[in-house]
Amino acid sequence: MGLGEVSINQAKALALLQGLEQMVKQGITEAKIFGDSLNMIRMIVTHTEPNDINLKQLYSRIQSKKAKFKKLRYYHVLRILNKEVDAEANNVILLKPGELRRVAQQGP
């Protein structure tokens, strides 16, 4: 979905929220979450509420979705090793607000 004007942290939080929502819809109860923002991972794992009002709203929704899982594990990936995700994020930035783009699902 196109994001319009948001901060990097808001975009990452929204991506996490949307990922969690999709997993809930598919009945997934355990997952590994990989991210290149150590601050974002720490915020979610330690239940540290952000100061930014928009990020705070997303954080609250993420915490609510997390409660629907039996087990979530978080892993920090060095940004330099995360080139595919960066490329995809750049593609999403080009979308108009509300615009969706289907991504081919890769097999195991």
N, C-alpha and C. Protein backbone atom coordinates (compact mmCIF):
# COMPACT_ATOMS: atom_id res chain seq x y z
N MET A 1 0.84 -1.16 0.00
CA MET A 1 0.00 0.00 0.00
C MET A 1 0.90 1.23 0.00
N GLY A 2 0.63 2.18 -0.84
CA GLY A 2 1.39 3.41 -0.86
C GLY A 2 1.28 4.11 0.49
N LEU A 3 2.36 4.69 0.94
CA LEU A 3 2.40 5.24 2.29
C LEU A 3 2.17 6.74 2.37
N GLY A 4 2.35 7.46 1.27
CA GLY A 4 2.30 8.91 1.37
C GLY A 4 3.54 9.39 2.11
N GLU A 5 3.42 10.44 2.90
CA GLU A 5 4.58 10.97 3.62
C GLU A 5 4.60 10.44 5.05
N VAL A 6 5.56 9.57 5.32
CA VAL A 6 5.77 9.03 6.66
C VAL A 6 7.26 8.93 6.93
N SER A 7 7.62 8.81 8.20
CA SER A 7 9.03 8.64 8.56
C SER A 7 9.46 7.21 8.25
N ILE A 8 10.76 6.98 8.24
CA ILE A 8 11.30 5.63 8.02
C ILE A 8 10.77 4.69 9.10
N ASN A 9 10.79 5.14 10.36
CA ASN A 9 10.32 4.28 11.45
C ASN A 9 8.82 3.99 11.32
N GLN A 10 8.05 4.97 10.88
CA GLN A 10 6.62 4.73 10.67
C GLN A 10 6.42 3.71 9.55
N ALA A 11 7.20 3.82 8.48
CA ALA A 11 7.09 2.87 7.37
C ALA A 11 7.45 1.45 7.83
N LYS A 12 8.49 1.34 8.64
CA LYS A 12 8.89 0.02 9.14
C LYS A 12 7.84 -0.55 10.09
N ALA A 13 7.28 0.29 10.93
CA ALA A 13 6.24 -0.16 11.86
C ALA A 13 4.99 -0.60 11.08
N LEU A 14 4.64 0.16 10.05
CA LEU A 14 3.48 -0.20 9.23
C LEU A 14 3.72 -1.52 8.50
N ALA A 15 4.93 -1.71 8.01
CA ALA A 15 5.26 -2.97 7.34
C ALA A 15 5.14 -4.14 8.31
N LEU A 16 5.63 -3.96 9.53
CA LEU A 16 5.51 -5.01 10.54
C LEU A 16 4.05 -5.29 10.85
N LEU A 17 3.28 -4.24 11.06
CA LEU A 17 1.86 -4.40 11.36
C LEU A 17 1.14 -5.15 10.25
N GLN A 18 1.39 -4.76 9.00
CA GLN A 18 0.73 -5.43 7.87
C GLN A 18 1.17 -6.89 7.76
N GLY A 19 2.44 -7.15 8.05
CA GLY A 19 2.91 -8.54 8.04
C GLY A 19 2.22 -9.37 9.12
N LEU A 20 2.11 -8.80 10.31
CA LEU A 20 1.42 -9.50 11.40
C LEU A 20 -0.05 -9.75 11.05
N GLU A 21 -0.70 -8.73 10.47
CA GLU A 21 -2.10 -8.88 10.09
C GLU A 21 -2.29 -10.00 9.07
N GLN A 22 -1.40 -10.08 8.09
CA GLN A 22 -1.50 -11.14 7.08
C GLN A 22 -1.29 -12.51 7.70
N MET A 23 -0.35 -12.61 8.63
CA MET A 23 -0.12 -13.90 9.28
C MET A 23 -1.33 -14.32 10.11
N VAL A 24 -1.94 -13.38 10.80
CA VAL A 24 -3.15 -13.68 11.59
C VAL A 24 -4.24 -14.20 10.66
N LYS A 25 -4.44 -13.53 9.53
CA LYS A 25 -5.46 -13.96 8.56
C LYS A 25 -5.22 -15.37 8.05
N GLN A 26 -3.94 -15.75 7.96
CA GLN A 26 -3.59 -17.08 7.44
C GLN A 26 -3.51 -18.13 8.55
N GLY A 27 -3.79 -17.72 9.78
CA GLY A 27 -3.79 -18.67 10.90
C GLY A 27 -2.41 -19.02 11.42
N ILE A 28 -1.41 -18.22 11.08
CA ILE A 28 -0.05 -18.46 11.55
C ILE A 28 0.05 -18.00 13.00
N THR A 29 0.59 -18.85 13.88
CA THR A 29 0.68 -18.51 15.30
C THR A 29 2.11 -18.37 15.80
N GLU A 30 3.08 -18.77 14.96
CA GLU A 30 4.49 -18.63 15.32
C GLU A 30 5.23 -18.07 14.11
N ALA A 31 6.16 -17.14 14.37
CA ALA A 31 6.89 -16.54 13.25
C ALA A 31 8.23 -15.99 13.71
N LYS A 32 9.12 -15.85 12.75
CA LYS A 32 10.40 -15.17 12.95
C LYS A 32 10.31 -13.86 12.20
N ILE A 33 10.65 -12.78 12.88
CA ILE A 33 10.60 -11.44 12.30
C ILE A 33 12.03 -10.94 12.14
N PHE A 34 12.39 -10.57 10.91
CA PHE A 34 13.72 -10.05 10.62
C PHE A 34 13.61 -8.57 10.29
N GLY A 35 14.49 -7.77 10.87
CA GLY A 35 14.46 -6.34 10.59
C GLY A 35 15.84 -5.72 10.69
N ASP A 36 16.04 -4.62 9.97
CA ASP A 36 17.35 -3.96 9.99
C ASP A 36 17.38 -2.77 10.94
N SER A 37 16.29 -2.51 11.64
CA SER A 37 16.25 -1.40 12.59
C SER A 37 16.30 -1.96 14.01
N LEU A 38 17.49 -1.91 14.60
CA LEU A 38 17.66 -2.41 15.95
C LEU A 38 16.78 -1.63 16.93
N ASN A 39 16.64 -0.32 16.69
CA ASN A 39 15.79 0.49 17.55
C ASN A 39 14.34 0.03 17.49
N MET A 40 13.85 -0.27 16.30
CA MET A 40 12.47 -0.73 16.14
C MET A 40 12.28 -2.09 16.84
N ILE A 41 13.22 -2.99 16.66
CA ILE A 41 13.12 -4.31 17.29
C ILE A 41 13.13 -4.16 18.80
N ARG A 42 14.03 -3.34 19.32
CA ARG A 42 14.08 -3.13 20.78
C ARG A 42 12.78 -2.54 21.30
N MET A 43 12.22 -1.58 20.56
CA MET A 43 10.98 -0.94 20.98
C MET A 43 9.87 -1.99 21.10
N ILE A 44 9.76 -2.87 20.13
CA ILE A 44 8.70 -3.87 20.11
C ILE A 44 8.92 -4.93 21.19
N VAL A 45 10.15 -5.40 21.32
CA VAL A 45 10.46 -6.47 22.27
C VAL A 45 10.36 -5.99 23.71
N THR A 46 10.84 -4.79 23.99
CA THR A 46 10.88 -4.30 25.38
C THR A 46 9.62 -3.52 25.76
N HIS A 47 8.66 -3.43 24.84
CA HIS A 47 7.41 -2.70 25.09
C HIS A 47 7.67 -1.24 25.46
N THR A 48 8.63 -0.63 24.77
CA THR A 48 8.96 0.77 24.98
C THR A 48 8.11 1.62 24.04
N GLU A 49 7.21 2.38 24.60
CA GLU A 49 6.31 3.20 23.78
C GLU A 49 7.07 4.38 23.18
N PRO A 50 6.91 4.60 21.87
CA PRO A 50 7.61 5.72 21.21
C PRO A 50 7.00 7.07 21.58
N ASN A 51 7.76 8.13 21.35
CA ASN A 51 7.28 9.49 21.62
C ASN A 51 6.43 10.05 20.48
N ASP A 52 6.79 9.71 19.25
CA ASP A 52 6.09 10.21 18.07
C ASP A 52 4.63 9.73 18.08
N ILE A 53 3.67 10.64 17.97
CA ILE A 53 2.25 10.31 18.08
C ILE A 53 1.80 9.31 17.01
N ASN A 54 2.26 9.48 15.77
CA ASN A 54 1.87 8.55 14.69
C ASN A 54 2.49 7.17 14.91
N LEU A 55 3.73 7.16 15.35
CA LEU A 55 4.41 5.90 15.63
C LEU A 55 3.77 5.22 16.85
N LYS A 56 3.33 6.03 17.79
CA LYS A 56 2.68 5.50 18.99
C LYS A 56 1.40 4.74 18.63
N GLN A 57 0.64 5.27 17.68
CA GLN A 57 -0.59 4.60 17.25
C GLN A 57 -0.28 3.26 16.59
N LEU A 58 0.75 3.25 15.74
CA LEU A 58 1.14 2.00 15.08
C LEU A 58 1.66 1.01 16.11
N TYR A 59 2.45 1.49 17.07
CA TYR A 59 3.01 0.65 18.12
C TYR A 59 1.89 -0.05 18.89
N SER A 60 0.86 0.71 19.22
CA SER A 60 -0.28 0.15 19.96
C SER A 60 -0.96 -0.96 19.15
N ARG A 61 -1.14 -0.73 17.87
CA ARG A 61 -1.76 -1.74 17.01
C ARG A 61 -0.87 -2.97 16.87
N ILE A 62 0.46 -2.76 16.81
CA ILE A 62 1.40 -3.89 16.72
C ILE A 62 1.31 -4.73 17.99
N GLN A 63 1.30 -4.08 19.15
CA GLN A 63 1.23 -4.81 20.41
C GLN A 63 -0.06 -5.63 20.49
N SER A 64 -1.13 -5.06 19.99
CA SER A 64 -2.41 -5.76 19.97
C SER A 64 -2.35 -7.00 19.08
N LYS A 65 -1.73 -6.87 17.90
CA LYS A 65 -1.60 -8.01 16.99
C LYS A 65 -0.67 -9.08 17.56
N LYS A 66 0.40 -8.64 18.23
CA LYS A 66 1.35 -9.59 18.81
C LYS A 66 0.67 -10.56 19.76
N ALA A 67 -0.36 -10.07 20.44
CA ALA A 67 -1.06 -10.90 21.43
C ALA A 67 -1.76 -12.10 20.79
N LYS A 68 -1.94 -12.08 19.49
CA LYS A 68 -2.62 -13.17 18.79
C LYS A 68 -1.68 -14.31 18.42
N PHE A 69 -0.40 -14.16 18.73
CA PHE A 69 0.59 -15.17 18.38
C PHE A 69 1.02 -15.96 19.61
N LYS A 70 1.31 -17.22 19.35
CA LYS A 70 1.84 -18.08 20.40
C LYS A 70 3.32 -17.75 20.63
N LYS A 71 4.03 -17.50 19.51
CA LYS A 71 5.47 -17.27 19.62
C LYS A 71 5.96 -16.39 18.47
N LEU A 72 6.63 -15.30 18.81
CA LEU A 72 7.29 -14.44 17.82
C LEU A 72 8.74 -14.26 18.25
N ARG A 73 9.64 -14.44 17.31
CA ARG A 73 11.07 -14.21 17.57
C ARG A 73 11.54 -13.11 16.63
N TYR A 74 12.38 -12.25 17.16
CA TYR A 74 12.86 -11.10 16.40
C TYR A 74 14.36 -11.22 16.19
N TYR A 75 14.80 -10.91 14.96
CA TYR A 75 16.21 -11.00 14.60
C TYR A 75 16.64 -9.71 13.92
N HIS A 76 17.78 -9.20 14.35
CA HIS A 76 18.33 -8.00 13.71
C HIS A 76 19.24 -8.43 12.56
N VAL A 77 19.02 -7.82 11.40
CA VAL A 77 19.83 -8.07 10.22
C VAL A 77 20.58 -6.79 9.91
N LEU A 78 21.89 -6.90 9.74
CA LEU A 78 22.66 -5.70 9.39
C LEU A 78 22.14 -5.12 8.09
N ARG A 79 21.99 -3.83 8.06
CA ARG A 79 21.43 -3.15 6.90
C ARG A 79 22.18 -3.48 5.61
N ILE A 80 23.47 -3.59 5.69
CA ILE A 80 24.27 -3.89 4.49
C ILE A 80 23.92 -5.26 3.91
N LEU A 81 23.42 -6.15 4.75
CA LEU A 81 23.03 -7.50 4.30
C LEU A 81 21.57 -7.56 3.88
N ASN A 82 20.89 -6.45 3.92
CA ASN A 82 19.46 -6.40 3.70
C ASN A 82 19.09 -5.70 2.40
N LYS A 83 19.86 -5.92 1.35
CA LYS A 83 19.68 -5.20 0.08
C LYS A 83 18.35 -5.48 -0.60
N GLU A 84 17.87 -6.72 -0.54
CA GLU A 84 16.58 -7.04 -1.17
C GLU A 84 15.44 -6.28 -0.52
N VAL A 85 15.47 -6.19 0.79
CA VAL A 85 14.42 -5.47 1.50
C VAL A 85 14.49 -3.98 1.18
N ASP A 86 15.70 -3.44 1.13
CA ASP A 86 15.86 -2.03 0.78
C ASP A 86 15.31 -1.75 -0.62
N ALA A 87 15.58 -2.65 -1.57
CA ALA A 87 15.09 -2.47 -2.94
C ALA A 87 13.56 -2.50 -2.95
N GLU A 88 12.97 -3.42 -2.21
CA GLU A 88 11.51 -3.51 -2.15
C GLU A 88 10.92 -2.27 -1.48
N ALA A 89 11.56 -1.79 -0.43
CA ALA A 89 11.09 -0.57 0.24
C ALA A 89 11.11 0.61 -0.72
N ASN A 90 12.14 0.69 -1.53
CA ASN A 90 12.22 1.78 -2.51
C ASN A 90 11.09 1.67 -3.54
N ASN A 91 10.72 0.46 -3.92
CA ASN A 91 9.61 0.27 -4.85
C ASN A 91 8.29 0.72 -4.22
N VAL A 92 8.10 0.41 -2.95
CA VAL A 92 6.87 0.77 -2.25
C VAL A 92 6.75 2.29 -2.12
N ILE A 93 7.85 2.95 -1.91
CA ILE A 93 7.85 4.41 -1.78
C ILE A 93 7.27 5.06 -3.03
N LEU A 94 7.46 4.44 -4.19
CA LEU A 94 6.98 5.00 -5.45
C LEU A 94 5.48 4.86 -5.65
N LEU A 95 4.83 4.03 -4.83
CA LEU A 95 3.39 3.85 -4.96
C LEU A 95 2.65 5.08 -4.44
N LYS A 96 1.48 5.31 -5.00
CA LYS A 96 0.63 6.39 -4.52
C LYS A 96 -0.05 5.93 -3.23
N PRO A 97 -0.43 6.86 -2.35
CA PRO A 97 -1.11 6.46 -1.11
C PRO A 97 -2.32 5.57 -1.43
N GLY A 98 -2.41 4.43 -0.76
CA GLY A 98 -3.51 3.50 -0.96
C GLY A 98 -3.32 2.51 -2.10
N GLU A 99 -2.31 2.70 -2.93
CA GLU A 99 -2.07 1.82 -4.07
C GLU A 99 -1.44 0.51 -3.59
N LEU A 100 -1.88 -0.59 -4.14
CA LEU A 100 -1.35 -1.90 -3.79
C LEU A 100 -0.57 -2.48 -4.96
N ARG A 101 0.37 -3.34 -4.65
CA ARG A 101 1.12 -4.05 -5.68
C ARG A 101 1.29 -5.48 -5.21
N ARG A 102 0.95 -6.41 -6.07
CA ARG A 102 1.11 -7.82 -5.72
C ARG A 102 2.58 -8.20 -5.87
N VAL A 103 3.05 -9.02 -4.91
CA VAL A 103 4.40 -9.52 -4.95
C VAL A 103 4.31 -11.04 -5.07
N ALA A 104 5.06 -11.60 -6.00
CA ALA A 104 5.04 -13.04 -6.18
C ALA A 104 5.61 -13.71 -4.94
N GLN A 105 4.88 -14.70 -4.44
CA GLN A 105 5.32 -15.40 -3.25
C GLN A 105 6.35 -16.43 -3.64
N GLN A 106 7.48 -16.43 -2.93
CA GLN A 106 8.53 -17.37 -3.21
C GLN A 106 8.33 -18.63 -2.36
N GLY A 107 8.68 -19.76 -2.92
CA GLY A 107 8.57 -21.02 -2.20
C GLY A 107 9.66 -21.17 -1.15
N PRO A 108 9.58 -22.23 -0.37
CA PRO A 108 10.56 -22.46 0.71
C PRO A 108 11.96 -22.66 0.22
